[in-house]
Amino acid sequence: MKGTITGHLSVEIERVGTRSEGPEYYIKPTDDYRDRWEIIHVRKQTHRWEEDSNLQNCMNKEVEILADIIETRTSITLDYFEVKEKE
């Protein structure tokens, strides 16, 4: 399902000590999704070990993400198309 999620974008370094060590991006929702999810994984459009420049430019900021929202009962993931700073 396509949709927009608004929230605070952050990054964590994961898989430390492996060849695929790298950043993973998360959004803490500030819209209706905050009632169901504390944090949401945002899939990057690069290899596991690389930074995603589109997401990296918006780090630690309030953003709007247009994405395919993949939501099940136990998890949610975003395959993003566009990221922009919230005005």
PDB file of N, CA and C in Angstrom:
ATOM      1  N   MET A   1       0.844  -1.168   0.000  1.00  0.00           N
ATOM      2  CA  MET A   1       0.000   0.000   0.000  1.00  0.00           C
ATOM      3  C   MET A   1       0.897   1.240   0.000  1.00  0.00           C
ATOM      4  N   LYS A   2       0.657   2.152  -0.920  1.00  0.00           N
ATOM      5  CA  LYS A   2       1.413   3.402  -0.943  1.00  0.00           C
ATOM      6  C   LYS A   2       0.849   4.344   0.103  1.00  0.00           C
ATOM      7  N   GLY A   3       1.737   5.122   0.701  1.00  0.00           N
ATOM      8  CA  GLY A   3       1.300   6.084   1.696  1.00  0.00           C
ATOM      9  C   GLY A   3       2.432   6.993   2.117  1.00  0.00           C
ATOM     10  N   THR A   4       2.092   7.913   3.014  1.00  0.00           N
ATOM     11  CA  THR A   4       3.063   8.861   3.548  1.00  0.00           C
ATOM     12  C   THR A   4       3.124   8.708   5.057  1.00  0.00           C
ATOM     13  N   ILE A   5       4.328   8.704   5.587  1.00  0.00           N
ATOM     14  CA  ILE A   5       4.532   8.653   7.033  1.00  0.00           C
ATOM     15  C   ILE A   5       5.409   9.833   7.419  1.00  0.00           C
ATOM     16  N   THR A   6       5.028  10.506   8.491  1.00  0.00           N
ATOM     17  CA  THR A   6       5.772  11.647   9.009  1.00  0.00           C
ATOM     18  C   THR A   6       6.419  11.248  10.326  1.00  0.00           C
ATOM     19  N   GLY A   7       7.672  11.679  10.533  1.00  0.00           N
ATOM     20  CA  GLY A   7       8.338  11.372  11.788  1.00  0.00           C
ATOM     21  C   GLY A   7       9.780  11.831  11.804  1.00  0.00           C
ATOM     22  N   HIS A   8      10.487  11.399  12.850  1.00  0.00           N
ATOM     23  CA  HIS A   8      11.884  11.771  13.079  1.00  0.00           C
ATOM     24  C   HIS A   8      12.771  10.645  12.549  1.00  0.00           C
ATOM     25  N   LEU A   9      13.666  10.956  11.594  1.00  0.00           N
ATOM     26  CA  LEU A   9      14.522   9.963  10.953  1.00  0.00           C
ATOM     27  C   LEU A   9      15.830   9.793  11.725  1.00  0.00           C
ATOM     28  N   SER A  10      16.216   8.535  11.971  1.00  0.00           N
ATOM     29  CA  SER A  10      17.470   8.260  12.681  1.00  0.00           C
ATOM     30  C   SER A  10      18.196   7.097  12.003  1.00  0.00           C
ATOM     31  N   VAL A  11      19.434   6.877  12.429  1.00  0.00           N
ATOM     32  CA  VAL A  11      20.255   5.811  11.855  1.00  0.00           C
ATOM     33  C   VAL A  11      20.931   5.037  12.978  1.00  0.00           C
ATOM     34  N   GLU A  12      21.142   3.736  12.755  1.00  0.00           N
ATOM     35  CA  GLU A  12      21.905   2.885  13.666  1.00  0.00           C
ATOM     36  C   GLU A  12      22.869   2.063  12.822  1.00  0.00           C
ATOM     37  N   ILE A  13      24.087   1.863  13.327  1.00  0.00           N
ATOM     38  CA  ILE A  13      25.048   0.989  12.651  1.00  0.00           C
ATOM     39  C   ILE A  13      24.760  -0.432  13.126  1.00  0.00           C
ATOM     40  N   GLU A  14      24.498  -1.331  12.177  1.00  0.00           N
ATOM     41  CA  GLU A  14      24.158  -2.709  12.516  1.00  0.00           C
ATOM     42  C   GLU A  14      25.129  -3.674  11.856  1.00  0.00           C
ATOM     43  N   ARG A  15      25.074  -4.919  12.282  1.00  0.00           N
ATOM     44  CA  ARG A  15      25.950  -5.983  11.798  1.00  0.00           C
ATOM     45  C   ARG A  15      27.419  -5.641  12.044  1.00  0.00           C
ATOM     46  N   VAL A  16      27.698  -5.055  13.216  1.00  0.00           N
ATOM     47  CA  VAL A  16      29.048  -4.611  13.576  1.00  0.00           C
ATOM     48  C   VAL A  16      30.003  -5.804  13.572  1.00  0.00           C
ATOM     49  N   GLY A  17      31.174  -5.597  12.977  1.00  0.00           N
ATOM     50  CA  GLY A  17      32.193  -6.636  12.944  1.00  0.00           C
ATOM     51  C   GLY A  17      32.052  -7.602  11.783  1.00  0.00           C
ATOM     52  N   THR A  18      31.082  -7.377  10.906  1.00  0.00           N
ATOM     53  CA  THR A  18      30.921  -8.233   9.734  1.00  0.00           C
ATOM     54  C   THR A  18      31.241  -7.433   8.477  1.00  0.00           C
ATOM     55  N   ARG A  19      31.368  -8.121   7.360  1.00  0.00           N
ATOM     56  CA  ARG A  19      31.643  -7.416   6.104  1.00  0.00           C
ATOM     57  C   ARG A  19      30.452  -6.585   5.640  1.00  0.00           C
ATOM     58  N   SER A  20      29.267  -6.883   6.136  1.00  0.00           N
ATOM     59  CA  SER A  20      28.085  -6.113   5.742  1.00  0.00           C
ATOM     60  C   SER A  20      27.703  -5.071   6.790  1.00  0.00           C
ATOM     61  N   GLU A  21      28.639  -4.744   7.694  1.00  0.00           N
ATOM     62  CA  GLU A  21      28.383  -3.701   8.694  1.00  0.00           C
ATOM     63  C   GLU A  21      28.002  -2.407   7.990  1.00  0.00           C
ATOM     64  N   GLY A  22      26.946  -1.776   8.469  1.00  0.00           N
ATOM     65  CA  GLY A  22      26.537  -0.522   7.839  1.00  0.00           C
ATOM     66  C   GLY A  22      25.306   0.066   8.490  1.00  0.00           C
ATOM     67  N   PRO A  23      24.871   1.201   7.972  1.00  0.00           N
ATOM     68  CA  PRO A  23      23.753   1.916   8.574  1.00  0.00           C
ATOM     69  C   PRO A  23      22.397   1.308   8.218  1.00  0.00           C
ATOM     70  N   GLU A  24      21.486   1.346   9.168  1.00  0.00           N
ATOM     71  CA  GLU A  24      20.076   1.018   8.950  1.00  0.00           C
ATOM     72  C   GLU A  24      19.280   2.227   9.410  1.00  0.00           C
ATOM     73  N   TYR A  25      18.258   2.569   8.671  1.00  0.00           N
ATOM     74  CA  TYR A  25      17.500   3.791   8.917  1.00  0.00           C
ATOM     75  C   TYR A  25      16.134   3.469   9.515  1.00  0.00           C
ATOM     76  N   TYR A  26      15.712   4.322  10.454  1.00  0.00           N
ATOM     77  CA  TYR A  26      14.446   4.142  11.153  1.00  0.00           C
ATOM     78  C   TYR A  26      13.738   5.483  11.272  1.00  0.00           C
ATOM     79  N   ILE A  27      12.418   5.424  11.323  1.00  0.00           N
ATOM     80  CA  ILE A  27      11.636   6.630  11.545  1.00  0.00           C
ATOM     81  C   ILE A  27      10.767   6.413  12.779  1.00  0.00           C
ATOM     82  N   LYS A  28      10.774   7.397  13.660  1.00  0.00           N
ATOM     83  CA  LYS A  28       9.886   7.393  14.822  1.00  0.00           C
ATOM     84  C   LYS A  28       8.669   8.219  14.412  1.00  0.00           C
ATOM     85  N   PRO A  29       7.535   7.560  14.159  1.00  0.00           N
ATOM     86  CA  PRO A  29       6.387   8.271  13.593  1.00  0.00           C
ATOM     87  C   PRO A  29       5.789   9.303  14.545  1.00  0.00           C
ATOM     88  N   THR A  30       5.326  10.410  13.948  1.00  0.00           N
ATOM     89  CA  THR A  30       4.643  11.459  14.709  1.00  0.00           C
ATOM     90  C   THR A  30       3.225  11.665  14.191  1.00  0.00           C
ATOM     91  N   ASP A  31       2.774  10.775  13.304  1.00  0.00           N
ATOM     92  CA  ASP A  31       1.418  10.863  12.763  1.00  0.00           C
ATOM     93  C   ASP A  31       0.576   9.724  13.338  1.00  0.00           C
ATOM     94  N   ASP A  32      -0.452   9.293  12.635  1.00  0.00           N
ATOM     95  CA  ASP A  32      -1.349   8.238  13.128  1.00  0.00           C
ATOM     96  C   ASP A  32      -0.638   6.911  13.387  1.00  0.00           C
ATOM     97  N   TYR A  33       0.471   6.670  12.731  1.00  0.00           N
ATOM     98  CA  TYR A  33       1.204   5.415  12.925  1.00  0.00           C
ATOM     99  C   TYR A  33       1.835   5.320  14.314  1.00  0.00           C
ATOM    100  N   ARG A  34       2.019   6.416  15.018  1.00  0.00           N
ATOM    101  CA  ARG A  34       2.662   6.372  16.341  1.00  0.00           C
ATOM    102  C   ARG A  34       1.834   5.593  17.359  1.00  0.00           C
ATOM    103  N   ASP A  35       0.524   5.477  17.121  1.00  0.00           N
ATOM    104  CA  ASP A  35      -0.331   4.711  18.030  1.00  0.00           C
ATOM    105  C   ASP A  35      -0.073   3.211  17.922  1.00  0.00           C
ATOM    106  N   ARG A  36       0.427   2.762  16.762  1.00  0.00           N
ATOM    107  CA  ARG A  36       0.651   1.331  16.538  1.00  0.00           C
ATOM    108  C   ARG A  36       2.121   0.935  16.567  1.00  0.00           C
ATOM    109  N   TRP A  37       3.027   1.859  16.195  1.00  0.00           N
ATOM    110  CA  TRP A  37       4.437   1.520  16.044  1.00  0.00           C
ATOM    111  C   TRP A  37       5.318   2.565  16.703  1.00  0.00           C
ATOM    112  N   GLU A  38       6.245   2.114  17.525  1.00  0.00           N
ATOM    113  CA  GLU A  38       7.190   3.024  18.180  1.00  0.00           C
ATOM    114  C   GLU A  38       8.281   3.461  17.206  1.00  0.00           C
ATOM    115  N   ILE A  39       8.712   2.515  16.370  1.00  0.00           N
ATOM    116  CA  ILE A  39       9.776   2.792  15.399  1.00  0.00           C
ATOM    117  C   ILE A  39       9.522   1.943  14.151  1.00  0.00           C
ATOM    118  N   ILE A  40       9.872   2.489  12.976  1.00  0.00           N
ATOM    119  CA  ILE A  40       9.608   1.819  11.702  1.00  0.00           C
ATOM    120  C   ILE A  40      10.906   1.753  10.895  1.00  0.00           C
ATOM    121  N   HIS A  41      11.201   0.571  10.367  1.00  0.00           N
ATOM    122  CA  HIS A  41      12.395   0.378   9.537  1.00  0.00           C
ATOM    123  C   HIS A  41      12.158   0.967   8.149  1.00  0.00           C
ATOM    124  N   VAL A  42      13.135   1.722   7.643  1.00  0.00           N
ATOM    125  CA  VAL A  42      13.090   2.291   6.295  1.00  0.00           C
ATOM    126  C   VAL A  42      14.172   1.595   5.474  1.00  0.00           C
ATOM    127  N   ARG A  43      13.760   0.815   4.469  1.00  0.00           N
ATOM    128  CA  ARG A  43      14.743   0.113   3.639  1.00  0.00           C
ATOM    129  C   ARG A  43      15.482   1.100   2.761  1.00  0.00           C
ATOM    130  N   LYS A  44      16.796   0.994   2.780  1.00  0.00           N
ATOM    131  CA  LYS A  44      17.602   1.891   1.944  1.00  0.00           C
ATOM    132  C   LYS A  44      17.713   1.328   0.533  1.00  0.00           C
ATOM    133  N   GLN A  45      18.146   2.174  -0.397  1.00  0.00           N
ATOM    134  CA  GLN A  45      18.240   1.787  -1.803  1.00  0.00           C
ATOM    135  C   GLN A  45      19.694   1.577  -2.213  1.00  0.00           C
ATOM    136  N   THR A  46      20.475   0.994  -1.304  1.00  0.00           N
ATOM    137  CA  THR A  46      21.894   0.729  -1.554  1.00  0.00           C
ATOM    138  C   THR A  46      22.239  -0.645  -0.985  1.00  0.00           C
ATOM    139  N   HIS A  47      23.516  -1.024  -1.108  1.00  0.00           N
ATOM    140  CA  HIS A  47      23.985  -2.254  -0.469  1.00  0.00           C
ATOM    141  C   HIS A  47      23.935  -2.089   1.048  1.00  0.00           C
ATOM    142  N   ARG A  48      23.929  -3.202   1.762  1.00  0.00           N
ATOM    143  CA  ARG A  48      23.823  -3.167   3.230  1.00  0.00           C
ATOM    144  C   ARG A  48      24.890  -2.310   3.892  1.00  0.00           C
ATOM    145  N   TRP A  49      26.096  -2.297   3.358  1.00  0.00           N
ATOM    146  CA  TRP A  49      27.213  -1.595   3.995  1.00  0.00           C
ATOM    147  C   TRP A  49      27.318  -0.128   3.582  1.00  0.00           C
ATOM    148  N   GLU A  50      26.511   0.326   2.652  1.00  0.00           N
ATOM    149  CA  GLU A  50      26.614   1.695   2.146  1.00  0.00           C
ATOM    150  C   GLU A  50      25.581   2.625   2.781  1.00  0.00           C
ATOM    151  N   GLU A  51      25.940   3.904   2.846  1.00  0.00           N
ATOM    152  CA  GLU A  51      24.980   4.922   3.266  1.00  0.00           C
ATOM    153  C   GLU A  51      24.050   5.224   2.098  1.00  0.00           C
ATOM    154  N   ASP A  52      22.813   5.574   2.410  1.00  0.00           N
ATOM    155  CA  ASP A  52      21.851   6.020   1.404  1.00  0.00           C
ATOM    156  C   ASP A  52      21.840   7.541   1.453  1.00  0.00           C
ATOM    157  N   SER A  53      22.349   8.195   0.421  1.00  0.00           N
ATOM    158  CA  SER A  53      22.509   9.654   0.459  1.00  0.00           C
ATOM    159  C   SER A  53      21.178  10.388   0.607  1.00  0.00           C
ATOM    160  N   ASN A  54      20.095   9.855   0.049  1.00  0.00           N
ATOM    161  CA  ASN A  54      18.786  10.499   0.199  1.00  0.00           C
ATOM    162  C   ASN A  54      18.351  10.536   1.663  1.00  0.00           C
ATOM    163  N   LEU A  55      18.564   9.427   2.364  1.00  0.00           N
ATOM    164  CA  LEU A  55      18.187   9.357   3.779  1.00  0.00           C
ATOM    165  C   LEU A  55      19.206  10.083   4.646  1.00  0.00           C
ATOM    166  N   GLN A  56      20.481   9.950   4.311  1.00  0.00           N
ATOM    167  CA  GLN A  56      21.544  10.551   5.112  1.00  0.00           C
ATOM    168  C   GLN A  56      21.403  12.073   5.184  1.00  0.00           C
ATOM    169  N   ASN A  57      20.942  12.696   4.100  1.00  0.00           N
ATOM    170  CA  ASN A  57      20.774  14.152   4.066  1.00  0.00           C
ATOM    171  C   ASN A  57      19.672  14.652   4.996  1.00  0.00           C
ATOM    172  N   CYS A  58      18.796  13.762   5.427  1.00  0.00           N
ATOM    173  CA  CYS A  58      17.666  14.152   6.290  1.00  0.00           C
ATOM    174  C   CYS A  58      17.803  13.612   7.710  1.00  0.00           C
ATOM    175  N   MET A  59      19.000  13.148   8.077  1.00  0.00           N
ATOM    176  CA  MET A  59      19.200  12.541   9.392  1.00  0.00           C
ATOM    177  C   MET A  59      18.865  13.498  10.523  1.00  0.00           C
ATOM    178  N   ASN A  60      18.259  12.947  11.573  1.00  0.00           N
ATOM    179  CA  ASN A  60      17.913  13.678  12.794  1.00  0.00           C
ATOM    180  C   ASN A  60      17.022  14.884  12.511  1.00  0.00           C
ATOM    181  N   LYS A  61      16.155  14.740  11.525  1.00  0.00           N
ATOM    182  CA  LYS A  61      15.211  15.799  11.178  1.00  0.00           C
ATOM    183  C   LYS A  61      13.811  15.219  11.088  1.00  0.00           C
ATOM    184  N   GLU A  62      12.832  16.088  11.164  1.00  0.00           N
ATOM    185  CA  GLU A  62      11.443  15.706  10.948  1.00  0.00           C
ATOM    186  C   GLU A  62      11.240  15.594   9.434  1.00  0.00           C
ATOM    187  N   VAL A  63      10.761  14.429   8.970  1.00  0.00           N
ATOM    188  CA  VAL A  63      10.636  14.183   7.537  1.00  0.00           C
ATOM    189  C   VAL A  63       9.260  13.631   7.181  1.00  0.00           C
ATOM    190  N   GLU A  64       8.958  13.704   5.889  1.00  0.00           N
ATOM    191  CA  GLU A  64       7.816  13.025   5.293  1.00  0.00           C
ATOM    192  C   GLU A  64       8.376  12.007   4.323  1.00  0.00           C
ATOM    193  N   ILE A  65       7.934  10.754   4.443  1.00  0.00           N
ATOM    194  CA  ILE A  65       8.419   9.703   3.561  1.00  0.00           C
ATOM    195  C   ILE A  65       7.245   9.153   2.766  1.00  0.00           C
ATOM    196  N   LEU A  66       7.353   9.217   1.435  1.00  0.00           N
ATOM    197  CA  LEU A  66       6.391   8.590   0.534  1.00  0.00           C
ATOM    198  C   LEU A  66       6.945   7.210   0.223  1.00  0.00           C
ATOM    199  N   ALA A  67       6.148   6.159   0.494  1.00  0.00           N
ATOM    200  CA  ALA A  67       6.698   4.811   0.398  1.00  0.00           C
ATOM    201  C   ALA A  67       5.615   3.772   0.182  1.00  0.00           C
ATOM    202  N   ASP A  68       6.069   2.581  -0.225  1.00  0.00           N
ATOM    203  CA  ASP A  68       5.232   1.394  -0.123  1.00  0.00           C
ATOM    204  C   ASP A  68       5.311   0.977   1.336  1.00  0.00           C
ATOM    205  N   ILE A  69       4.172   0.878   1.992  1.00  0.00           N
ATOM    206  CA  ILE A  69       4.128   0.519   3.410  1.00  0.00           C
ATOM    207  C   ILE A  69       3.775  -0.959   3.506  1.00  0.00           C
ATOM    208  N   ILE A  70       4.696  -1.739   4.049  1.00  0.00           N
ATOM    209  CA  ILE A  70       4.507  -3.179   4.189  1.00  0.00           C
ATOM    210  C   ILE A  70       4.239  -3.444   5.662  1.00  0.00           C
ATOM    211  N   GLU A  71       2.974  -3.631   6.005  1.00  0.00           N
ATOM    212  CA  GLU A  71       2.573  -3.753   7.409  1.00  0.00           C
ATOM    213  C   GLU A  71       1.883  -5.089   7.643  1.00  0.00           C
ATOM    214  N   THR A  72       2.366  -5.811   8.658  1.00  0.00           N
ATOM    215  CA  THR A  72       1.723  -7.040   9.108  1.00  0.00           C
ATOM    216  C   THR A  72       1.308  -6.831  10.560  1.00  0.00           C
ATOM    217  N   ARG A  73       0.824  -7.865  11.188  1.00  0.00           N
ATOM    218  CA  ARG A  73       0.451  -7.722  12.601  1.00  0.00           C
ATOM    219  C   ARG A  73       1.648  -7.471  13.498  1.00  0.00           C
ATOM    220  N   THR A  74       2.817  -7.975  13.107  1.00  0.00           N
ATOM    221  CA  THR A  74       3.985  -7.903  13.989  1.00  0.00           C
ATOM    222  C   THR A  74       5.115  -7.010  13.500  1.00  0.00           C
ATOM    223  N   SER A  75       5.034  -6.498  12.274  1.00  0.00           N
ATOM    224  CA  SER A  75       6.126  -5.662  11.768  1.00  0.00           C
ATOM    225  C   SER A  75       5.632  -4.667  10.724  1.00  0.00           C
ATOM    226  N   ILE A  76       6.473  -3.660  10.495  1.00  0.00           N
ATOM    227  CA  ILE A  76       6.201  -2.676   9.450  1.00  0.00           C
ATOM    228  C   ILE A  76       7.533  -2.249   8.843  1.00  0.00           C
ATOM    229  N   THR A  77       7.554  -2.120   7.524  1.00  0.00           N
ATOM    230  CA  THR A  77       8.745  -1.703   6.792  1.00  0.00           C
ATOM    231  C   THR A  77       8.319  -0.749   5.690  1.00  0.00           C
ATOM    232  N   LEU A  78       9.186   0.219   5.387  1.00  0.00           N
ATOM    233  CA  LEU A  78       8.922   1.168   4.309  1.00  0.00           C
ATOM    234  C   LEU A  78       9.920   0.963   3.179  1.00  0.00           C
ATOM    235  N   ASP A  79       9.425   0.828   1.951  1.00  0.00           N
ATOM    236  CA  ASP A  79      10.249   0.893   0.743  1.00  0.00           C
ATOM    237  C   ASP A  79       9.990   2.268   0.159  1.00  0.00           C
ATOM    238  N   TYR A  80      10.890   3.206   0.415  1.00  0.00           N
ATOM    239  CA  TYR A  80      10.597   4.604   0.106  1.00  0.00           C
ATOM    240  C   TYR A  80      10.828   4.977  -1.354  1.00  0.00           C
ATOM    241  N   PHE A  81      10.053   5.969  -1.799  1.00  0.00           N
ATOM    242  CA  PHE A  81      10.219   6.580  -3.124  1.00  0.00           C
ATOM    243  C   PHE A  81      10.825   7.965  -2.986  1.00  0.00           C
ATOM    244  N   GLU A  82      10.390   8.682  -1.945  1.00  0.00           N
ATOM    245  CA  GLU A  82      10.794  10.078  -1.770  1.00  0.00           C
ATOM    246  C   GLU A  82      10.877  10.404  -0.286  1.00  0.00           C
ATOM    247  N   VAL A  83      11.906  11.163   0.081  1.00  0.00           N
ATOM    248  CA  VAL A  83      12.076  11.650   1.447  1.00  0.00           C
ATOM    249  C   VAL A  83      12.260  13.151   1.369  1.00  0.00           C
ATOM    250  N   LYS A  84      11.503  13.881   2.182  1.00  0.00           N
ATOM    251  CA  LYS A  84      11.694  15.335   2.212  1.00  0.00           C
ATOM    252  C   LYS A  84      11.516  15.846   3.628  1.00  0.00           C
ATOM    253  N   GLU A  85      12.244  16.927   3.921  1.00  0.00           N
ATOM    254  CA  GLU A  85      12.124  17.545   5.238  1.00  0.00           C
ATOM    255  C   GLU A  85      10.732  18.113   5.413  1.00  0.00           C
ATOM    256  N   LYS A  86      10.201  17.928   6.601  1.00  0.00           N
ATOM    257  CA  LYS A  86       8.879  18.471   6.929  1.00  0.00           C
ATOM    258  C   LYS A  86       9.017  19.966   7.123  1.00  0.00           C
ATOM    259  N   GLU A  87       8.097  20.700   6.553  1.00  0.00           N
ATOM    260  CA  GLU A  87       8.147  22.168   6.659  1.00  0.00           C
ATOM    261  C   GLU A  87       7.374  22.663   7.849  1.00  0.00           C
TER     262      GLU A  87
END
